[in-house]
Amino acid sequence: MKLILCLTLLLLAVERGESSCFRKLHPNTPNCKDDVDGTWHEPGESWINADCLECSCSVESMRCCTTYGTPTVYPDDCIAVFDRENCQYRIHKKNDPSVECRVYASVG
């Protein structure tokens, strides 16, 4: 029973992962420019851009983090393809995209 609980907790942690983040300073203006979309945002504003980054603007900087985990361990006969519309990776058989594959590990 303990083994099942430990495996379940491990799978939940792996599936969720942690986000990769970066911060961009903007000393000449209080607003933030999202270089992906070319859009301007005011301090206190949050948004998700076309690269599936969740960003927020403050007076001194813009902070963006990934909204998805990147699969790292899956069967050799499978491939990971990023779905921009849904902001997630889809893992499927290399020779048959209709067959989903199991992911064993991913990182944020």
PDB file of N, CA and C in Angstrom:
ATOM      1  N   MET A   1       0.821  -1.196   0.000  1.00  0.00           N
ATOM      2  CA  MET A   1       0.000   0.000   0.000  1.00  0.00           C
ATOM      3  C   MET A   1       0.868   1.264   0.000  1.00  0.00           C
ATOM      4  N   LYS A   2       1.935   1.245   0.824  1.00  0.00           N
ATOM      5  CA  LYS A   2       2.829   2.400   0.875  1.00  0.00           C
ATOM      6  C   LYS A   2       3.496   2.636  -0.479  1.00  0.00           C
ATOM      7  N   LEU A   3       3.842   1.553  -1.156  1.00  0.00           N
ATOM      8  CA  LEU A   3       4.477   1.673  -2.465  1.00  0.00           C
ATOM      9  C   LEU A   3       3.541   2.354  -3.461  1.00  0.00           C
ATOM     10  N   ILE A   4       2.291   1.967  -3.466  1.00  0.00           N
ATOM     11  CA  ILE A   4       1.312   2.570  -4.378  1.00  0.00           C
ATOM     12  C   ILE A   4       1.162   4.060  -4.074  1.00  0.00           C
ATOM     13  N   LEU A   5       1.096   4.417  -2.813  1.00  0.00           N
ATOM     14  CA  LEU A   5       0.973   5.821  -2.424  1.00  0.00           C
ATOM     15  C   LEU A   5       2.204   6.612  -2.860  1.00  0.00           C
ATOM     16  N   CYS A   6       3.386   6.058  -2.647  1.00  0.00           N
ATOM     17  CA  CYS A   6       4.622   6.735  -3.049  1.00  0.00           C
ATOM     18  C   CYS A   6       4.689   6.922  -4.561  1.00  0.00           C
ATOM     19  N   LEU A   7       4.330   5.897  -5.309  1.00  0.00           N
ATOM     20  CA  LEU A   7       4.340   6.005  -6.766  1.00  0.00           C
ATOM     21  C   LEU A   7       3.331   7.037  -7.256  1.00  0.00           C
ATOM     22  N   THR A   8       2.173   7.072  -6.647  1.00  0.00           N
ATOM     23  CA  THR A   8       1.152   8.049  -7.025  1.00  0.00           C
ATOM     24  C   THR A   8       1.648   9.472  -6.777  1.00  0.00           C
ATOM     25  N   LEU A   9       2.245   9.708  -5.620  1.00  0.00           N
ATOM     26  CA  LEU A   9       2.779  11.033  -5.312  1.00  0.00           C
ATOM     27  C   LEU A   9       3.906  11.415  -6.258  1.00  0.00           C
ATOM     28  N   LEU A  10       4.756  10.459  -6.591  1.00  0.00           N
ATOM     29  CA  LEU A  10       5.845  10.724  -7.523  1.00  0.00           C
ATOM     30  C   LEU A  10       5.303  11.096  -8.904  1.00  0.00           C
ATOM     31  N   LEU A  11       4.322  10.362  -9.377  1.00  0.00           N
ATOM     32  CA  LEU A  11       3.730  10.658 -10.686  1.00  0.00           C
ATOM     33  C   LEU A  11       3.060  12.032 -10.703  1.00  0.00           C
ATOM     34  N   LEU A  12       2.408  12.403  -9.622  1.00  0.00           N
ATOM     35  CA  LEU A  12       1.801  13.730  -9.556  1.00  0.00           C
ATOM     36  C   LEU A  12       2.858  14.826  -9.598  1.00  0.00           C
ATOM     37  N   ALA A  13       3.954  14.620  -8.902  1.00  0.00           N
ATOM     38  CA  ALA A  13       5.037  15.610  -8.896  1.00  0.00           C
ATOM     39  C   ALA A  13       5.680  15.717 -10.268  1.00  0.00           C
ATOM     40  N   VAL A  14       5.890  14.593 -10.917  1.00  0.00           N
ATOM     41  CA  VAL A  14       6.520  14.589 -12.242  1.00  0.00           C
ATOM     42  C   VAL A  14       5.604  15.238 -13.268  1.00  0.00           C
ATOM     43  N   GLU A  15       4.331  14.939 -13.214  1.00  0.00           N
ATOM     44  CA  GLU A  15       3.381  15.474 -14.185  1.00  0.00           C
ATOM     45  C   GLU A  15       3.295  16.989 -14.098  1.00  0.00           C
ATOM     46  N   ARG A  16       3.267  17.510 -12.871  1.00  0.00           N
ATOM     47  CA  ARG A  16       3.128  18.942 -12.694  1.00  0.00           C
ATOM     48  C   ARG A  16       4.391  19.694 -13.028  1.00  0.00           C
ATOM     49  N   GLY A  17       5.508  19.224 -12.551  1.00  0.00           N
ATOM     50  CA  GLY A  17       6.784  19.865 -12.815  1.00  0.00           C
ATOM     51  C   GLY A  17       6.839  21.280 -12.271  1.00  0.00           C
ATOM     52  N   GLU A  18       7.921  21.968 -12.548  1.00  0.00           N
ATOM     53  CA  GLU A  18       8.068  23.353 -12.152  1.00  0.00           C
ATOM     54  C   GLU A  18       8.270  24.189 -13.396  1.00  0.00           C
ATOM     55  N   SER A  19       7.809  25.408 -13.337  1.00  0.00           N
ATOM     56  CA  SER A  19       7.914  26.295 -14.478  1.00  0.00           C
ATOM     57  C   SER A  19       9.323  26.849 -14.614  1.00  0.00           C
ATOM     58  N   SER A  20       9.701  27.117 -15.855  1.00  0.00           N
ATOM     59  CA  SER A  20      10.920  27.863 -16.142  1.00  0.00           C
ATOM     60  C   SER A  20      10.509  29.316 -16.263  1.00  0.00           C
ATOM     61  N   CYS A  21      11.242  30.194 -15.602  1.00  0.00           N
ATOM     62  CA  CYS A  21      10.880  31.600 -15.601  1.00  0.00           C
ATOM     63  C   CYS A  21      12.068  32.477 -15.968  1.00  0.00           C
ATOM     64  N   PHE A  22      11.761  33.680 -16.426  1.00  0.00           N
ATOM     65  CA  PHE A  22      12.794  34.685 -16.644  1.00  0.00           C
ATOM     66  C   PHE A  22      12.203  36.053 -16.338  1.00  0.00           C
ATOM     67  N   ARG A  23      13.098  36.989 -16.056  1.00  0.00           N
ATOM     68  CA  ARG A  23      12.693  38.357 -15.753  1.00  0.00           C
ATOM     69  C   ARG A  23      13.398  39.300 -16.714  1.00  0.00           C
ATOM     70  N   LYS A  24      12.673  40.280 -17.222  1.00  0.00           N
ATOM     71  CA  LYS A  24      13.230  41.264 -18.153  1.00  0.00           C
ATOM     72  C   LYS A  24      13.014  42.664 -17.561  1.00  0.00           C
ATOM     73  N   LEU A  25      14.108  43.376 -17.313  1.00  0.00           N
ATOM     74  CA  LEU A  25      14.023  44.730 -16.782  1.00  0.00           C
ATOM     75  C   LEU A  25      13.666  45.704 -17.894  1.00  0.00           C
ATOM     76  N   HIS A  26      12.957  46.764 -17.545  1.00  0.00           N
ATOM     77  CA  HIS A  26      12.637  47.809 -18.523  1.00  0.00           C
ATOM     78  C   HIS A  26      12.779  49.167 -17.828  1.00  0.00           C
ATOM     79  N   PRO A  27      14.018  49.660 -17.752  1.00  0.00           N
ATOM     80  CA  PRO A  27      14.292  50.877 -16.982  1.00  0.00           C
ATOM     81  C   PRO A  27      13.771  52.176 -17.602  1.00  0.00           C
ATOM     82  N   ASN A  28      13.501  52.219 -18.876  1.00  0.00           N
ATOM     83  CA  ASN A  28      13.131  53.474 -19.543  1.00  0.00           C
ATOM     84  C   ASN A  28      11.632  53.731 -19.622  1.00  0.00           C
ATOM     85  N   THR A  29      10.810  52.800 -19.197  1.00  0.00           N
ATOM     86  CA  THR A  29       9.357  52.957 -19.266  1.00  0.00           C
ATOM     87  C   THR A  29       8.710  52.132 -18.162  1.00  0.00           C
ATOM     88  N   PRO A  30       7.572  52.588 -17.625  1.00  0.00           N
ATOM     89  CA  PRO A  30       6.892  51.785 -16.602  1.00  0.00           C
ATOM     90  C   PRO A  30       6.123  50.609 -17.198  1.00  0.00           C
ATOM     91  N   ASN A  31       5.888  50.621 -18.504  1.00  0.00           N
ATOM     92  CA  ASN A  31       5.133  49.552 -19.166  1.00  0.00           C
ATOM     93  C   ASN A  31       6.056  48.445 -19.643  1.00  0.00           C
ATOM     94  N   CYS A  32       5.484  47.294 -19.926  1.00  0.00           N
ATOM     95  CA  CYS A  32       6.245  46.121 -20.371  1.00  0.00           C
ATOM     96  C   CYS A  32       5.909  45.815 -21.832  1.00  0.00           C
ATOM     97  N   LYS A  33       6.928  45.490 -22.610  1.00  0.00           N
ATOM     98  CA  LYS A  33       6.695  45.070 -23.987  1.00  0.00           C
ATOM     99  C   LYS A  33       6.957  43.571 -24.090  1.00  0.00           C
ATOM    100  N   ASP A  34       5.957  42.840 -24.548  1.00  0.00           N
ATOM    101  CA  ASP A  34       6.098  41.406 -24.791  1.00  0.00           C
ATOM    102  C   ASP A  34       6.705  41.253 -26.187  1.00  0.00           C
ATOM    103  N   ASP A  35       7.961  40.837 -26.252  1.00  0.00           N
ATOM    104  CA  ASP A  35       8.650  40.714 -27.538  1.00  0.00           C
ATOM    105  C   ASP A  35       8.084  39.600 -28.411  1.00  0.00           C
ATOM    106  N   VAL A  36       7.375  38.655 -27.825  1.00  0.00           N
ATOM    107  CA  VAL A  36       6.770  37.561 -28.598  1.00  0.00           C
ATOM    108  C   VAL A  36       5.614  38.095 -29.439  1.00  0.00           C
ATOM    109  N   ASP A  37       4.710  38.814 -28.801  1.00  0.00           N
ATOM    110  CA  ASP A  37       3.516  39.317 -29.483  1.00  0.00           C
ATOM    111  C   ASP A  37       3.651  40.768 -29.933  1.00  0.00           C
ATOM    112  N   GLY A  38       4.664  41.465 -29.416  1.00  0.00           N
ATOM    113  CA  GLY A  38       4.831  42.880 -29.728  1.00  0.00           C
ATOM    114  C   GLY A  38       3.802  43.760 -29.032  1.00  0.00           C
ATOM    115  N   THR A  39       3.190  43.251 -27.963  1.00  0.00           N
ATOM    116  CA  THR A  39       2.155  43.995 -27.253  1.00  0.00           C
ATOM    117  C   THR A  39       2.732  44.687 -26.027  1.00  0.00           C
ATOM    118  N   TRP A  40       2.109  45.795 -25.634  1.00  0.00           N
ATOM    119  CA  TRP A  40       2.508  46.556 -24.451  1.00  0.00           C
ATOM    120  C   TRP A  40       1.517  46.292 -23.327  1.00  0.00           C
ATOM    121  N   HIS A  41       2.035  46.227 -22.089  1.00  0.00           N
ATOM    122  CA  HIS A  41       1.196  45.940 -20.924  1.00  0.00           C
ATOM    123  C   HIS A  41       1.563  46.878 -19.784  1.00  0.00           C
ATOM    124  N   GLU A  42       0.565  47.231 -18.985  1.00  0.00           N
ATOM    125  CA  GLU A  42       0.754  48.133 -17.852  1.00  0.00           C
ATOM    126  C   GLU A  42       1.103  47.354 -16.593  1.00  0.00           C
ATOM    127  N   PRO A  43       1.776  48.006 -15.631  1.00  0.00           N
ATOM    128  CA  PRO A  43       2.069  47.349 -14.353  1.00  0.00           C
ATOM    129  C   PRO A  43       0.801  46.793 -13.715  1.00  0.00           C
ATOM    130  N   GLY A  44       0.908  45.575 -13.191  1.00  0.00           N
ATOM    131  CA  GLY A  44      -0.229  44.886 -12.584  1.00  0.00           C
ATOM    132  C   GLY A  44      -0.972  43.977 -13.550  1.00  0.00           C
ATOM    133  N   GLU A  45      -0.679  44.078 -14.825  1.00  0.00           N
ATOM    134  CA  GLU A  45      -1.354  43.262 -15.844  1.00  0.00           C
ATOM    135  C   GLU A  45      -0.659  41.909 -15.991  1.00  0.00           C
ATOM    136  N   SER A  46      -1.447  40.862 -16.232  1.00  0.00           N
ATOM    137  CA  SER A  46      -0.942  39.507 -16.507  1.00  0.00           C
ATOM    138  C   SER A  46      -1.577  39.006 -17.791  1.00  0.00           C
ATOM    139  N   TRP A  47      -0.860  38.146 -18.525  1.00  0.00           N
ATOM    140  CA  TRP A  47      -1.358  37.620 -19.797  1.00  0.00           C
ATOM    141  C   TRP A  47      -0.591  36.363 -20.173  1.00  0.00           C
ATOM    142  N   ILE A  48      -1.121  35.616 -21.130  1.00  0.00           N
ATOM    143  CA  ILE A  48      -0.437  34.460 -21.710  1.00  0.00           C
ATOM    144  C   ILE A  48      -0.199  34.802 -23.176  1.00  0.00           C
ATOM    145  N   ASN A  49       1.068  34.722 -23.610  1.00  0.00           N
ATOM    146  CA  ASN A  49       1.395  35.111 -24.989  1.00  0.00           C
ATOM    147  C   ASN A  49       1.357  33.914 -25.943  1.00  0.00           C
ATOM    148  N   ALA A  50       1.698  34.160 -27.199  1.00  0.00           N
ATOM    149  CA  ALA A  50       1.612  33.133 -28.243  1.00  0.00           C
ATOM    150  C   ALA A  50       2.597  31.990 -28.047  1.00  0.00           C
ATOM    151  N   ASP A  51       3.647  32.184 -27.220  1.00  0.00           N
ATOM    152  CA  ASP A  51       4.590  31.106 -26.914  1.00  0.00           C
ATOM    153  C   ASP A  51       4.203  30.361 -25.643  1.00  0.00           C
ATOM    154  N   CYS A  52       2.966  30.556 -25.181  1.00  0.00           N
ATOM    155  CA  CYS A  52       2.439  29.886 -23.987  1.00  0.00           C
ATOM    156  C   CYS A  52       3.204  30.251 -22.726  1.00  0.00           C
ATOM    157  N   LEU A  53       3.706  31.479 -22.664  1.00  0.00           N
ATOM    158  CA  LEU A  53       4.350  31.996 -21.469  1.00  0.00           C
ATOM    159  C   LEU A  53       3.340  32.832 -20.705  1.00  0.00           C
ATOM    160  N   GLU A  54       3.244  32.589 -19.406  1.00  0.00           N
ATOM    161  CA  GLU A  54       2.387  33.402 -18.551  1.00  0.00           C
ATOM    162  C   GLU A  54       3.241  34.535 -18.014  1.00  0.00           C
ATOM    163  N   CYS A  55       2.877  35.767 -18.361  1.00  0.00           N
ATOM    164  CA  CYS A  55       3.696  36.926 -18.021  1.00  0.00           C
ATOM    165  C   CYS A  55       2.938  37.876 -17.116  1.00  0.00           C
ATOM    166  N   SER A  56       3.706  38.636 -16.341  1.00  0.00           N
ATOM    167  CA  SER A  56       3.130  39.692 -15.516  1.00  0.00           C
ATOM    168  C   SER A  56       4.060  40.885 -15.563  1.00  0.00           C
ATOM    169  N   CYS A  57       3.465  42.064 -15.497  1.00  0.00           N
ATOM    170  CA  CYS A  57       4.216  43.315 -15.602  1.00  0.00           C
ATOM    171  C   CYS A  57       4.232  44.018 -14.252  1.00  0.00           C
ATOM    172  N   SER A  58       5.408  44.499 -13.864  1.00  0.00           N
ATOM    173  CA  SER A  58       5.528  45.371 -12.697  1.00  0.00           C
ATOM    174  C   SER A  58       6.209  46.658 -13.164  1.00  0.00           C
ATOM    175  N   VAL A  59       6.331  47.620 -12.285  1.00  0.00           N
ATOM    176  CA  VAL A  59       6.909  48.910 -12.661  1.00  0.00           C
ATOM    177  C   VAL A  59       8.343  48.759 -13.159  1.00  0.00           C
ATOM    178  N   GLU A  60       9.103  47.833 -12.578  1.00  0.00           N
ATOM    179  CA  GLU A  60      10.508  47.715 -12.950  1.00  0.00           C
ATOM    180  C   GLU A  60      10.851  46.554 -13.878  1.00  0.00           C
ATOM    181  N   SER A  61       9.956  45.566 -14.009  1.00  0.00           N
ATOM    182  CA  SER A  61      10.305  44.405 -14.836  1.00  0.00           C
ATOM    183  C   SER A  61       9.075  43.638 -15.308  1.00  0.00           C
ATOM    184  N   MET A  62       9.338  42.718 -16.212  1.00  0.00           N
ATOM    185  CA  MET A  62       8.328  41.782 -16.700  1.00  0.00           C
ATOM    186  C   MET A  62       8.831  40.389 -16.348  1.00  0.00           C
ATOM    187  N   ARG A  63       7.950  39.546 -15.813  1.00  0.00           N
ATOM    188  CA  ARG A  63       8.320  38.177 -15.452  1.00  0.00           C
ATOM    189  C   ARG A  63       7.446  37.233 -16.250  1.00  0.00           C
ATOM    190  N   CYS A  64       8.085  36.249 -16.908  1.00  0.00           N
ATOM    191  CA  CYS A  64       7.354  35.261 -17.695  1.00  0.00           C
ATOM    192  C   CYS A  64       7.778  33.861 -17.280  1.00  0.00           C
ATOM    193  N   CYS A  65       6.817  32.953 -17.241  1.00  0.00           N
ATOM    194  CA  CYS A  65       7.063  31.552 -16.884  1.00  0.00           C
ATOM    195  C   CYS A  65       6.329  30.644 -17.873  1.00  0.00           C
ATOM    196  N   THR A  66       6.900  29.482 -18.119  1.00  0.00           N
ATOM    197  CA  THR A  66       6.223  28.515 -18.974  1.00  0.00           C
ATOM    198  C   THR A  66       4.953  28.039 -18.287  1.00  0.00           C
ATOM    199  N   THR A  67       3.967  27.695 -19.068  1.00  0.00           N
ATOM    200  CA  THR A  67       2.700  27.184 -18.536  1.00  0.00           C
ATOM    201  C   THR A  67       2.590  25.677 -18.743  1.00  0.00           C
ATOM    202  N   TYR A  68       3.683  25.051 -19.137  1.00  0.00           N
ATOM    203  CA  TYR A  68       3.640  23.635 -19.505  1.00  0.00           C
ATOM    204  C   TYR A  68       4.905  22.935 -19.011  1.00  0.00           C
ATOM    205  N   GLY A  69       4.833  21.627 -18.894  1.00  0.00           N
ATOM    206  CA  GLY A  69       5.987  20.800 -18.585  1.00  0.00           C
ATOM    207  C   GLY A  69       6.566  20.239 -19.871  1.00  0.00           C
ATOM    208  N   THR A  70       7.869  20.020 -19.888  1.00  0.00           N
ATOM    209  CA  THR A  70       8.527  19.459 -21.058  1.00  0.00           C
ATOM    210  C   THR A  70       8.833  17.988 -20.796  1.00  0.00           C
ATOM    211  N   PRO A  71       8.261  17.085 -21.576  1.00  0.00           N
ATOM    212  CA  PRO A  71       8.520  15.662 -21.358  1.00  0.00           C
ATOM    213  C   PRO A  71       9.978  15.324 -21.639  1.00  0.00           C
ATOM    214  N   THR A  72      10.565  14.524 -20.772  1.00  0.00           N
ATOM    215  CA  THR A  72      11.968  14.155 -20.931  1.00  0.00           C
ATOM    216  C   THR A  72      12.182  12.653 -21.059  1.00  0.00           C
ATOM    217  N   VAL A  73      11.282  11.859 -20.509  1.00  0.00           N
ATOM    218  CA  VAL A  73      11.442  10.405 -20.568  1.00  0.00           C
ATOM    219  C   VAL A  73      10.146   9.776 -21.084  1.00  0.00           C
ATOM    220  N   TYR A  74      10.267   9.185 -22.262  1.00  0.00           N
ATOM    221  CA  TYR A  74       9.148   8.481 -22.883  1.00  0.00           C
ATOM    222  C   TYR A  74       9.742   7.430 -23.818  1.00  0.00           C
ATOM    223  N   PRO A  75       8.960   6.475 -24.279  1.00  0.00           N
ATOM    224  CA  PRO A  75       9.500   5.387 -25.103  1.00  0.00           C
ATOM    225  C   PRO A  75      10.240   5.883 -26.353  1.00  0.00           C
ATOM    226  N   ASP A  76      11.265   5.139 -26.771  1.00  0.00           N
ATOM    227  CA  ASP A  76      12.083   5.505 -27.931  1.00  0.00           C
ATOM    228  C   ASP A  76      11.297   5.559 -29.242  1.00  0.00           C
ATOM    229  N   ASP A  77      10.207   4.810 -29.323  1.00  0.00           N
ATOM    230  CA  ASP A  77       9.432   4.798 -30.568  1.00  0.00           C
ATOM    231  C   ASP A  77       8.363   5.900 -30.594  1.00  0.00           C
ATOM    232  N   CYS A  78       8.505   6.868 -29.675  1.00  0.00           N
ATOM    233  CA  CYS A  78       7.545   7.970 -29.591  1.00  0.00           C
ATOM    234  C   CYS A  78       8.251   9.305 -29.808  1.00  0.00           C
ATOM    235  N   ILE A  79       7.462  10.340 -30.055  1.00  0.00           N
ATOM    236  CA  ILE A  79       7.991  11.677 -30.294  1.00  0.00           C
ATOM    237  C   ILE A  79       7.120  12.689 -29.540  1.00  0.00           C
ATOM    238  N   ALA A  80       7.756  13.757 -29.049  1.00  0.00           N
ATOM    239  CA  ALA A  80       7.036  14.829 -28.357  1.00  0.00           C
ATOM    240  C   ALA A  80       6.831  15.990 -29.322  1.00  0.00           C
ATOM    241  N   VAL A  81       5.591  16.406 -29.494  1.00  0.00           N
ATOM    242  CA  VAL A  81       5.252  17.504 -30.393  1.00  0.00           C
ATOM    243  C   VAL A  81       4.509  18.559 -29.575  1.00  0.00           C
ATOM    244  N   PHE A  82       4.964  19.821 -29.654  1.00  0.00           N
ATOM    245  CA  PHE A  82       4.323  20.878 -28.878  1.00  0.00           C
ATOM    246  C   PHE A  82       3.082  21.390 -29.580  1.00  0.00           C
ATOM    247  N   ASP A  83       1.979  21.416 -28.854  1.00  0.00           N
ATOM    248  CA  ASP A  83       0.687  21.907 -29.354  1.00  0.00           C
ATOM    249  C   ASP A  83       0.497  23.326 -28.821  1.00  0.00           C
ATOM    250  N   ARG A  84       0.793  24.342 -29.657  1.00  0.00           N
ATOM    251  CA  ARG A  84       0.694  25.748 -29.235  1.00  0.00           C
ATOM    252  C   ARG A  84      -0.730  26.157 -28.894  1.00  0.00           C
ATOM    253  N   GLU A  85      -1.694  25.575 -29.568  1.00  0.00           N
ATOM    254  CA  GLU A  85      -3.088  25.944 -29.316  1.00  0.00           C
ATOM    255  C   GLU A  85      -3.509  25.591 -27.889  1.00  0.00           C
ATOM    256  N   ASN A  86      -3.037  24.444 -27.386  1.00  0.00           N
ATOM    257  CA  ASN A  86      -3.393  23.984 -26.041  1.00  0.00           C
ATOM    258  C   ASN A  86      -2.264  24.157 -25.032  1.00  0.00           C
ATOM    259  N   CYS A  87      -1.126  24.708 -25.474  1.00  0.00           N
ATOM    260  CA  CYS A  87       0.036  24.959 -24.600  1.00  0.00           C
ATOM    261  C   CYS A  87       0.482  23.701 -23.850  1.00  0.00           C
ATOM    262  N   GLN A  88       0.630  22.606 -24.577  1.00  0.00           N
ATOM    263  CA  GLN A  88       1.109  21.373 -23.960  1.00  0.00           C
ATOM    264  C   GLN A  88       1.769  20.481 -25.006  1.00  0.00           C
ATOM    265  N   TYR A  89       2.608  19.577 -24.509  1.00  0.00           N
ATOM    266  CA  TYR A  89       3.223  18.594 -25.405  1.00  0.00           C
ATOM    267  C   TYR A  89       2.282  17.423 -25.593  1.00  0.00           C
ATOM    268  N   ARG A  90       2.286  16.884 -26.769  1.00  0.00           N
ATOM    269  CA  ARG A  90       1.552  15.659 -27.081  1.00  0.00           C
ATOM    270  C   ARG A  90       2.588  14.624 -27.477  1.00  0.00           C
ATOM    271  N   ILE A  91       2.580  13.478 -26.813  1.00  0.00           N
ATOM    272  CA  ILE A  91       3.538  12.411 -27.089  1.00  0.00           C
ATOM    273  C   ILE A  91       2.790  11.296 -27.810  1.00  0.00           C
ATOM    274  N   HIS A  92       3.284  10.948 -29.004  1.00  0.00           N
ATOM    275  CA  HIS A  92       2.624   9.895 -29.772  1.00  0.00           C
ATOM    276  C   HIS A  92       3.672   9.041 -30.496  1.00  0.00           C
ATOM    277  N   LYS A  93       3.215   7.912 -31.013  1.00  0.00           N
ATOM    278  CA  LYS A  93       4.099   7.018 -31.763  1.00  0.00           C
ATOM    279  C   LYS A  93       4.653   7.748 -32.982  1.00  0.00           C
ATOM    280  N   LYS A  94       5.923   7.543 -33.270  1.00  0.00           N
ATOM    281  CA  LYS A  94       6.556   8.206 -34.415  1.00  0.00           C
ATOM    282  C   LYS A  94       5.882   7.823 -35.728  1.00  0.00           C
ATOM    283  N   ASN A  95       5.488   6.557 -35.833  1.00  0.00           N
ATOM    284  CA  ASN A  95       4.909   6.080 -37.091  1.00  0.00           C
ATOM    285  C   ASN A  95       3.374   6.123 -37.116  1.00  0.00           C
ATOM    286  N   ASP A  96       2.748   6.567 -35.991  1.00  0.00           N
ATOM    287  CA  ASP A  96       1.288   6.629 -35.946  1.00  0.00           C
ATOM    288  C   ASP A  96       0.841   7.700 -34.945  1.00  0.00           C
ATOM    289  N   PRO A  97       0.635   8.938 -35.395  1.00  0.00           N
ATOM    290  CA  PRO A  97       0.251  10.032 -34.505  1.00  0.00           C
ATOM    291  C   PRO A  97      -1.064   9.819 -33.750  1.00  0.00           C
ATOM    292  N   SER A  98      -1.857   8.848 -34.173  1.00  0.00           N
ATOM    293  CA  SER A  98      -3.121   8.612 -33.480  1.00  0.00           C
ATOM    294  C   SER A  98      -2.935   7.785 -32.205  1.00  0.00           C
ATOM    295  N   VAL A  99      -1.742   7.223 -31.999  1.00  0.00           N
ATOM    296  CA  VAL A  99      -1.475   6.400 -30.810  1.00  0.00           C
ATOM    297  C   VAL A  99      -0.658   7.200 -29.805  1.00  0.00           C
ATOM    298  N   GLU A 100      -1.287   7.526 -28.652  1.00  0.00           N
ATOM    299  CA  GLU A 100      -0.620   8.267 -27.589  1.00  0.00           C
ATOM    300  C   GLU A 100       0.385   7.380 -26.866  1.00  0.00           C
ATOM    301  N   CYS A 101       1.448   8.000 -26.327  1.00  0.00           N
ATOM    302  CA  CYS A 101       2.466   7.289 -25.562  1.00  0.00           C
ATOM    303  C   CYS A 101       2.443   7.772 -24.118  1.00  0.00           C
ATOM    304  N   ARG A 102       2.951   6.954 -23.258  1.00  0.00           N
ATOM    305  CA  ARG A 102       3.032   7.279 -21.844  1.00  0.00           C
ATOM    306  C   ARG A 102       4.307   8.071 -21.559  1.00  0.00           C
ATOM    307  N   VAL A 103       4.185   9.128 -20.763  1.00  0.00           N
ATOM    308  CA  VAL A 103       5.336   9.930 -20.352  1.00  0.00           C
ATOM    309  C   VAL A 103       5.767   9.465 -18.976  1.00  0.00           C
ATOM    310  N   TYR A 104       7.053   9.212 -18.819  1.00  0.00           N
ATOM    311  CA  TYR A 104       7.570   8.736 -17.531  1.00  0.00           C
ATOM    312  C   TYR A 104       8.125   9.875 -16.695  1.00  0.00           C
ATOM    313  N   ALA A 105       8.564  10.959 -17.313  1.00  0.00           N
ATOM    314  CA  ALA A 105       9.092  12.095 -16.573  1.00  0.00           C
ATOM    315  C   ALA A 105       9.030  13.344 -17.425  1.00  0.00           C
ATOM    316  N   SER A 106       8.850  14.487 -16.765  1.00  0.00           N
ATOM    317  CA  SER A 106       8.872  15.773 -17.466  1.00  0.00           C
ATOM    318  C   SER A 106       9.418  16.822 -16.517  1.00  0.00           C
ATOM    319  N   VAL A 107       9.909  17.898 -17.097  1.00  0.00           N
ATOM    320  CA  VAL A 107      10.415  19.016 -16.305  1.00  0.00           C
ATOM    321  C   VAL A 107       9.686  20.272 -16.712  1.00  0.00           C
ATOM    322  N   GLY A 108       9.566  21.203 -15.763  1.00  0.00           N
ATOM    323  CA  GLY A 108       8.885  22.463 -16.019  1.00  0.00           C
ATOM    324  C   GLY A 108       9.690  23.327 -16.888  1.00  0.00           C
TER     325      GLY A 108
END
